[in-house]
Amino acid sequence: MLLEFSRLVAGVLILLFHRQIADFMQAQERSVLLVFRQRGVHLPDLDASTARNIYFCLGVFVCCYQMFHIWTILPGR
């Protein structure tokens, strides 16, 4: 049960810090895209609002999934 609540907390943390996570990941992605472009492979890059929306939705999904999982394993339902 501790693992399920830890995953729920991780989902909440992703929800709370989705902007910072997205900005950090975009900084890392820029350096990877630069390497690919130097080798002739042009990949599209995401804008900031799209990346933030992706991480927000990921946090919502993790929270909803874990709440459903915790609800299904509770005894005496």
PDB file of N, CA and C in Angstrom:
ATOM      1  N   MET A   1       0.820  -1.185   0.000  1.00  0.00           N
ATOM      2  CA  MET A   1       0.000   0.000   0.000  1.00  0.00           C
ATOM      3  C   MET A   1       0.875   1.265   0.000  1.00  0.00           C
ATOM      4  N   LEU A   2       2.045   1.161   0.589  1.00  0.00           N
ATOM      5  CA  LEU A   2       2.958   2.301   0.611  1.00  0.00           C
ATOM      6  C   LEU A   2       3.419   2.655  -0.804  1.00  0.00           C
ATOM      7  N   LEU A   3       3.632   1.650  -1.620  1.00  0.00           N
ATOM      8  CA  LEU A   3       4.066   1.885  -2.999  1.00  0.00           C
ATOM      9  C   LEU A   3       2.984   2.623  -3.794  1.00  0.00           C
ATOM     10  N   GLU A   4       1.728   2.261  -3.591  1.00  0.00           N
ATOM     11  CA  GLU A   4       0.643   2.924  -4.301  1.00  0.00           C
ATOM     12  C   GLU A   4       0.535   4.388  -3.908  1.00  0.00           C
ATOM     13  N   PHE A   5       0.656   4.675  -2.602  1.00  0.00           N
ATOM     14  CA  PHE A   5       0.591   6.065  -2.168  1.00  0.00           C
ATOM     15  C   PHE A   5       1.817   6.852  -2.631  1.00  0.00           C
ATOM     16  N   SER A   6       2.959   6.186  -2.724  1.00  0.00           N
ATOM     17  CA  SER A   6       4.154   6.857  -3.249  1.00  0.00           C
ATOM     18  C   SER A   6       3.969   7.228  -4.711  1.00  0.00           C
ATOM     19  N   ARG A   7       3.359   6.345  -5.481  1.00  0.00           N
ATOM     20  CA  ARG A   7       3.077   6.657  -6.884  1.00  0.00           C
ATOM     21  C   ARG A   7       2.065   7.789  -7.003  1.00  0.00           C
ATOM     22  N   LEU A   8       1.081   7.819  -6.122  1.00  0.00           N
ATOM     23  CA  LEU A   8       0.109   8.901  -6.125  1.00  0.00           C
ATOM     24  C   LEU A   8       0.782  10.228  -5.809  1.00  0.00           C
ATOM     25  N   VAL A   9       1.676  10.227  -4.850  1.00  0.00           N
ATOM     26  CA  VAL A   9       2.424  11.440  -4.518  1.00  0.00           C
ATOM     27  C   VAL A   9       3.306  11.861  -5.692  1.00  0.00           C
ATOM     28  N   ALA A  10       3.903  10.900  -6.376  1.00  0.00           N
ATOM     29  CA  ALA A  10       4.716  11.228  -7.555  1.00  0.00           C
ATOM     30  C   ALA A  10       3.855  11.886  -8.632  1.00  0.00           C
ATOM     31  N   GLY A  11       2.647  11.400  -8.833  1.00  0.00           N
ATOM     32  CA  GLY A  11       1.737  12.015  -9.792  1.00  0.00           C
ATOM     33  C   GLY A  11       1.364  13.434  -9.404  1.00  0.00           C
ATOM     34  N   VAL A  12       1.118  13.652  -8.117  1.00  0.00           N
ATOM     35  CA  VAL A  12       0.795  15.000  -7.637  1.00  0.00           C
ATOM     36  C   VAL A  12       1.988  15.928  -7.827  1.00  0.00           C
ATOM     37  N   LEU A  13       3.189  15.419  -7.574  1.00  0.00           N
ATOM     38  CA  LEU A  13       4.385  16.239  -7.767  1.00  0.00           C
ATOM     39  C   LEU A  13       4.585  16.598  -9.236  1.00  0.00           C
ATOM     40  N   ILE A  14       4.285  15.664 -10.124  1.00  0.00           N
ATOM     41  CA  ILE A  14       4.361  15.969 -11.556  1.00  0.00           C
ATOM     42  C   ILE A  14       3.346  17.058 -11.894  1.00  0.00           C
ATOM     43  N   LEU A  15       2.147  16.972 -11.318  1.00  0.00           N
ATOM     44  CA  LEU A  15       1.135  18.006 -11.544  1.00  0.00           C
ATOM     45  C   LEU A  15       1.595  19.367 -11.034  1.00  0.00           C
ATOM     46  N   LEU A  16       2.191  19.394  -9.866  1.00  0.00           N
ATOM     47  CA  LEU A  16       2.603  20.662  -9.274  1.00  0.00           C
ATOM     48  C   LEU A  16       3.783  21.293 -10.003  1.00  0.00           C
ATOM     49  N   PHE A  17       4.704  20.465 -10.483  1.00  0.00           N
ATOM     50  CA  PHE A  17       5.939  20.976 -11.077  1.00  0.00           C
ATOM     51  C   PHE A  17       6.028  20.691 -12.574  1.00  0.00           C
ATOM     52  N   HIS A  18       4.880  20.593 -13.263  1.00  0.00           N
ATOM     53  CA  HIS A  18       4.924  20.234 -14.681  1.00  0.00           C
ATOM     54  C   HIS A  18       5.620  21.294 -15.522  1.00  0.00           C
ATOM     55  N   ARG A  19       5.524  22.563 -15.147  1.00  0.00           N
ATOM     56  CA  ARG A  19       6.207  23.618 -15.914  1.00  0.00           C
ATOM     57  C   ARG A  19       7.724  23.493 -15.797  1.00  0.00           C
ATOM     58  N   GLN A  20       8.213  23.298 -14.587  1.00  0.00           N
ATOM     59  CA  GLN A  20       9.660  23.182 -14.394  1.00  0.00           C
ATOM     60  C   GLN A  20      10.207  21.924 -15.053  1.00  0.00           C
ATOM     61  N   ILE A  21       9.462  20.834 -14.966  1.00  0.00           N
ATOM     62  CA  ILE A  21       9.893  19.583 -15.601  1.00  0.00           C
ATOM     63  C   ILE A  21       9.934  19.757 -17.111  1.00  0.00           C
ATOM     64  N   ALA A  22       8.912  20.369 -17.685  1.00  0.00           N
ATOM     65  CA  ALA A  22       8.862  20.564 -19.135  1.00  0.00           C
ATOM     66  C   ALA A  22       9.985  21.486 -19.603  1.00  0.00           C
ATOM     67  N   ASP A  23      10.251  22.557 -18.860  1.00  0.00           N
ATOM     68  CA  ASP A  23      11.323  23.468 -19.250  1.00  0.00           C
ATOM     69  C   ASP A  23      12.682  22.783 -19.182  1.00  0.00           C
ATOM     70  N   PHE A  24      12.903  21.971 -18.148  1.00  0.00           N
ATOM     71  CA  PHE A  24      14.161  21.236 -18.027  1.00  0.00           C
ATOM     72  C   PHE A  24      14.316  20.231 -19.163  1.00  0.00           C
ATOM     73  N   MET A  25      13.239  19.504 -19.447  1.00  0.00           N
ATOM     74  CA  MET A  25      13.321  18.500 -20.512  1.00  0.00           C
ATOM     75  C   MET A  25      13.516  19.161 -21.873  1.00  0.00           C
ATOM     76  N   GLN A  26      12.949  20.332 -22.084  1.00  0.00           N
ATOM     77  CA  GLN A  26      13.157  21.020 -23.352  1.00  0.00           C
ATOM     78  C   GLN A  26      14.591  21.488 -23.498  1.00  0.00           C
ATOM     79  N   ALA A  27      15.214  21.894 -22.413  1.00  0.00           N
ATOM     80  CA  ALA A  27      16.632  22.271 -22.477  1.00  0.00           C
ATOM     81  C   ALA A  27      17.479  21.063 -22.857  1.00  0.00           C
ATOM     82  N   GLN A  28      17.164  19.901 -22.293  1.00  0.00           N
ATOM     83  CA  GLN A  28      17.894  18.688 -22.648  1.00  0.00           C
ATOM     84  C   GLN A  28      17.610  18.283 -24.088  1.00  0.00           C
ATOM     85  N   GLU A  29      16.371  18.469 -24.512  1.00  0.00           N
ATOM     86  CA  GLU A  29      15.976  18.095 -25.865  1.00  0.00           C
ATOM     87  C   GLU A  29      16.669  18.960 -26.909  1.00  0.00           C
ATOM     88  N   ARG A  30      16.880  20.226 -26.594  1.00  0.00           N
ATOM     89  CA  ARG A  30      17.559  21.112 -27.543  1.00  0.00           C
ATOM     90  C   ARG A  30      18.964  20.629 -27.855  1.00  0.00           C
ATOM     91  N   SER A  31      19.671  20.163 -26.842  1.00  0.00           N
ATOM     92  CA  SER A  31      21.033  19.675 -27.083  1.00  0.00           C
ATOM     93  C   SER A  31      21.022  18.384 -27.907  1.00  0.00           C
ATOM     94  N   VAL A  32      20.042  17.526 -27.684  1.00  0.00           N
ATOM     95  CA  VAL A  32      19.933  16.292 -28.469  1.00  0.00           C
ATOM     96  C   VAL A  32      19.552  16.617 -29.911  1.00  0.00           C
ATOM     97  N   LEU A  33      18.614  17.556 -30.094  1.00  0.00           N
ATOM     98  CA  LEU A  33      18.217  17.947 -31.445  1.00  0.00           C
ATOM     99  C   LEU A  33      19.376  18.574 -32.209  1.00  0.00           C
ATOM    100  N   LEU A  34      20.226  19.317 -31.510  1.00  0.00           N
ATOM    101  CA  LEU A  34      21.395  19.915 -32.147  1.00  0.00           C
ATOM    102  C   LEU A  34      22.335  18.845 -32.685  1.00  0.00           C
ATOM    103  N   VAL A  35      22.536  17.794 -31.913  1.00  0.00           N
ATOM    104  CA  VAL A  35      23.392  16.683 -32.358  1.00  0.00           C
ATOM    105  C   VAL A  35      22.789  16.008 -33.584  1.00  0.00           C
ATOM    106  N   PHE A  36      21.488  15.771 -33.568  1.00  0.00           N
ATOM    107  CA  PHE A  36      20.840  15.140 -34.715  1.00  0.00           C
ATOM    108  C   PHE A  36      20.909  16.034 -35.955  1.00  0.00           C
ATOM    109  N   ARG A  37      20.712  17.330 -35.771  1.00  0.00           N
ATOM    110  CA  ARG A  37      20.748  18.248 -36.916  1.00  0.00           C
ATOM    111  C   ARG A  37      22.147  18.350 -37.505  1.00  0.00           C
ATOM    112  N   GLN A  38      23.166  18.236 -36.677  1.00  0.00           N
ATOM    113  CA  GLN A  38      24.533  18.244 -37.189  1.00  0.00           C
ATOM    114  C   GLN A  38      24.809  17.014 -38.047  1.00  0.00           C
ATOM    115  N   ARG A  39      24.096  15.947 -37.778  1.00  0.00           N
ATOM    116  CA  ARG A  39      24.277  14.719 -38.552  1.00  0.00           C
ATOM    117  C   ARG A  39      23.300  14.610 -39.719  1.00  0.00           C
ATOM    118  N   GLY A  40      22.490  15.657 -39.932  1.00  0.00           N
ATOM    119  CA  GLY A  40      21.615  15.689 -41.090  1.00  0.00           C
ATOM    120  C   GLY A  40      20.209  15.197 -40.867  1.00  0.00           C
ATOM    121  N   VAL A  41      19.849  14.874 -39.634  1.00  0.00           N
ATOM    122  CA  VAL A  41      18.493  14.409 -39.337  1.00  0.00           C
ATOM    123  C   VAL A  41      17.735  15.561 -38.693  1.00  0.00           C
ATOM    124  N   HIS A  42      16.701  16.033 -39.366  1.00  0.00           N
ATOM    125  CA  HIS A  42      15.923  17.159 -38.853  1.00  0.00           C
ATOM    126  C   HIS A  42      14.657  16.633 -38.191  1.00  0.00           C
ATOM    127  N   LEU A  43      14.598  16.779 -36.883  1.00  0.00           N
ATOM    128  CA  LEU A  43      13.444  16.346 -36.097  1.00  0.00           C
ATOM    129  C   LEU A  43      12.675  17.578 -35.630  1.00  0.00           C
ATOM    130  N   PRO A  44      11.359  17.488 -35.553  1.00  0.00           N
ATOM    131  CA  PRO A  44      10.593  18.649 -35.076  1.00  0.00           C
ATOM    132  C   PRO A  44      10.767  18.821 -33.567  1.00  0.00           C
ATOM    133  N   ASP A  45      10.754  20.059 -33.130  1.00  0.00           N
ATOM    134  CA  ASP A  45      10.837  20.310 -31.693  1.00  0.00           C
ATOM    135  C   ASP A  45       9.488  20.827 -31.200  1.00  0.00           C
ATOM    136  N   LEU A  46       9.189  20.551 -29.949  1.00  0.00           N
ATOM    137  CA  LEU A  46       7.930  20.959 -29.339  1.00  0.00           C
ATOM    138  C   LEU A  46       8.052  22.374 -28.793  1.00  0.00           C
ATOM    139  N   ASP A  47       6.980  23.117 -28.842  1.00  0.00           N
ATOM    140  CA  ASP A  47       7.009  24.414 -28.188  1.00  0.00           C
ATOM    141  C   ASP A  47       6.734  24.226 -26.696  1.00  0.00           C
ATOM    142  N   ALA A  48       6.937  25.274 -25.935  1.00  0.00           N
ATOM    143  CA  ALA A  48       6.864  25.174 -24.472  1.00  0.00           C
ATOM    144  C   ALA A  48       5.464  24.799 -23.996  1.00  0.00           C
ATOM    145  N   SER A  49       4.440  25.362 -24.602  1.00  0.00           N
ATOM    146  CA  SER A  49       3.080  25.082 -24.121  1.00  0.00           C
ATOM    147  C   SER A  49       2.690  23.625 -24.384  1.00  0.00           C
ATOM    148  N   THR A  50       3.126  23.061 -25.503  1.00  0.00           N
ATOM    149  CA  THR A  50       2.825  21.663 -25.787  1.00  0.00           C
ATOM    150  C   THR A  50       3.524  20.747 -24.796  1.00  0.00           C
ATOM    151  N   ALA A  51       4.781  21.019 -24.511  1.00  0.00           N
ATOM    152  CA  ALA A  51       5.524  20.196 -23.550  1.00  0.00           C
ATOM    153  C   ALA A  51       4.903  20.283 -22.158  1.00  0.00           C
ATOM    154  N   ARG A  52       4.492  21.473 -21.775  1.00  0.00           N
ATOM    155  CA  ARG A  52       3.861  21.632 -20.458  1.00  0.00           C
ATOM    156  C   ARG A  52       2.536  20.884 -20.396  1.00  0.00           C
ATOM    157  N   ASN A  53       1.771  20.931 -21.471  1.00  0.00           N
ATOM    158  CA  ASN A  53       0.502  20.202 -21.505  1.00  0.00           C
ATOM    159  C   ASN A  53       0.722  18.695 -21.437  1.00  0.00           C
ATOM    160  N   ILE A  54       1.751  18.215 -22.094  1.00  0.00           N
ATOM    161  CA  ILE A  54       2.048  16.780 -22.060  1.00  0.00           C
ATOM    162  C   ILE A  54       2.372  16.332 -20.639  1.00  0.00           C
ATOM    163  N   TYR A  55       3.227  17.082 -19.935  1.00  0.00           N
ATOM    164  CA  TYR A  55       3.584  16.685 -18.570  1.00  0.00           C
ATOM    165  C   TYR A  55       2.416  16.867 -17.606  1.00  0.00           C
ATOM    166  N   PHE A  56       1.556  17.865 -17.829  1.00  0.00           N
ATOM    167  CA  PHE A  56       0.372  18.019 -16.995  1.00  0.00           C
ATOM    168  C   PHE A  56      -0.554  16.823 -17.174  1.00  0.00           C
ATOM    169  N   CYS A  57      -0.790  16.438 -18.422  1.00  0.00           N
ATOM    170  CA  CYS A  57      -1.656  15.278 -18.691  1.00  0.00           C
ATOM    171  C   CYS A  57      -1.053  13.993 -18.144  1.00  0.00           C
ATOM    172  N   LEU A  58       0.256  13.871 -18.202  1.00  0.00           N
ATOM    173  CA  LEU A  58       0.923  12.707 -17.621  1.00  0.00           C
ATOM    174  C   LEU A  58       0.683  12.646 -16.112  1.00  0.00           C
ATOM    175  N   GLY A  59       0.790  13.786 -15.431  1.00  0.00           N
ATOM    176  CA  GLY A  59       0.527  13.831 -13.997  1.00  0.00           C
ATOM    177  C   GLY A  59      -0.906  13.483 -13.663  1.00  0.00           C
ATOM    178  N   VAL A  60      -1.861  13.982 -14.457  1.00  0.00           N
ATOM    179  CA  VAL A  60      -3.272  13.663 -14.241  1.00  0.00           C
ATOM    180  C   VAL A  60      -3.507  12.171 -14.439  1.00  0.00           C
ATOM    181  N   PHE A  61      -2.918  11.605 -15.485  1.00  0.00           N
ATOM    182  CA  PHE A  61      -3.082  10.179 -15.745  1.00  0.00           C
ATOM    183  C   PHE A  61      -2.528   9.335 -14.600  1.00  0.00           C
ATOM    184  N   VAL A  62      -1.341   9.668 -14.111  1.00  0.00           N
ATOM    185  CA  VAL A  62      -0.739   8.910 -13.015  1.00  0.00           C
ATOM    186  C   VAL A  62      -1.613   8.995 -11.763  1.00  0.00           C
ATOM    187  N   CYS A  63      -2.106  10.184 -11.451  1.00  0.00           N
ATOM    188  CA  CYS A  63      -2.970  10.344 -10.271  1.00  0.00           C
ATOM    189  C   CYS A  63      -4.264   9.546 -10.405  1.00  0.00           C
ATOM    190  N   CYS A  64      -4.913   9.661 -11.544  1.00  0.00           N
ATOM    191  CA  CYS A  64      -6.179   8.940 -11.744  1.00  0.00           C
ATOM    192  C   CYS A  64      -5.973   7.441 -11.716  1.00  0.00           C
ATOM    193  N   TYR A  65      -4.931   6.978 -12.357  1.00  0.00           N
ATOM    194  CA  TYR A  65      -4.649   5.542 -12.376  1.00  0.00           C
ATOM    195  C   TYR A  65      -4.375   5.025 -10.970  1.00  0.00           C
ATOM    196  N   GLN A  66      -3.592   5.744 -10.211  1.00  0.00           N
ATOM    197  CA  GLN A  66      -3.256   5.287  -8.858  1.00  0.00           C
ATOM    198  C   GLN A  66      -4.454   5.372  -7.923  1.00  0.00           C
ATOM    199  N   MET A  67      -5.276   6.404  -8.060  1.00  0.00           N
ATOM    200  CA  MET A  67      -6.475   6.474  -7.222  1.00  0.00           C
ATOM    201  C   MET A  67      -7.418   5.307  -7.529  1.00  0.00           C
ATOM    202  N   PHE A  68      -7.574   4.972  -8.804  1.00  0.00           N
ATOM    203  CA  PHE A  68      -8.395   3.822  -9.173  1.00  0.00           C
ATOM    204  C   PHE A  68      -7.789   2.531  -8.632  1.00  0.00           C
ATOM    205  N   HIS A  69      -6.473   2.409  -8.727  1.00  0.00           N
ATOM    206  CA  HIS A  69      -5.801   1.202  -8.243  1.00  0.00           C
ATOM    207  C   HIS A  69      -5.954   1.064  -6.724  1.00  0.00           C
ATOM    208  N   ILE A  70      -5.784   2.144  -6.008  1.00  0.00           N
ATOM    209  CA  ILE A  70      -5.945   2.111  -4.550  1.00  0.00           C
ATOM    210  C   ILE A  70      -7.389   1.770  -4.191  1.00  0.00           C
ATOM    211  N   TRP A  71      -8.347   2.339  -4.923  1.00  0.00           N
ATOM    212  CA  TRP A  71      -9.759   2.078  -4.656  1.00  0.00           C
ATOM    213  C   TRP A  71     -10.111   0.611  -4.891  1.00  0.00           C
ATOM    214  N   THR A  72      -9.505  -0.011  -5.905  1.00  0.00           N
ATOM    215  CA  THR A  72      -9.830  -1.410  -6.199  1.00  0.00           C
ATOM    216  C   THR A  72      -9.202  -2.387  -5.214  1.00  0.00           C
ATOM    217  N   ILE A  73      -8.096  -2.034  -4.581  1.00  0.00           N
ATOM    218  CA  ILE A  73      -7.460  -2.965  -3.654  1.00  0.00           C
ATOM    219  C   ILE A  73      -7.887  -2.767  -2.209  1.00  0.00           C
ATOM    220  N   LEU A  74      -8.729  -1.779  -1.943  1.00  0.00           N
ATOM    221  CA  LEU A  74      -9.195  -1.559  -0.574  1.00  0.00           C
ATOM    222  C   LEU A  74     -10.095  -2.715  -0.148  1.00  0.00           C
ATOM    223  N   PRO A  75      -9.907  -3.225   1.063  1.00  0.00           N
ATOM    224  CA  PRO A  75     -10.775  -4.304   1.537  1.00  0.00           C
ATOM    225  C   PRO A  75     -12.143  -3.764   1.952  1.00  0.00           C
ATOM    226  N   GLY A  76     -13.153  -4.591   1.790  1.00  0.00           N
ATOM    227  CA  GLY A  76     -14.487  -4.246   2.244  1.00  0.00           C
ATOM    228  C   GLY A  76     -15.231  -3.282   1.342  1.00  0.00           C
ATOM    229  N   ARG A  77     -14.896  -3.258   0.100  1.00  0.00           N
ATOM    230  CA  ARG A  77     -15.607  -2.395  -0.836  1.00  0.00           C
ATOM    231  C   ARG A  77     -16.964  -2.927  -1.120  1.00  0.00           C
TER     232      ARG A  77
END
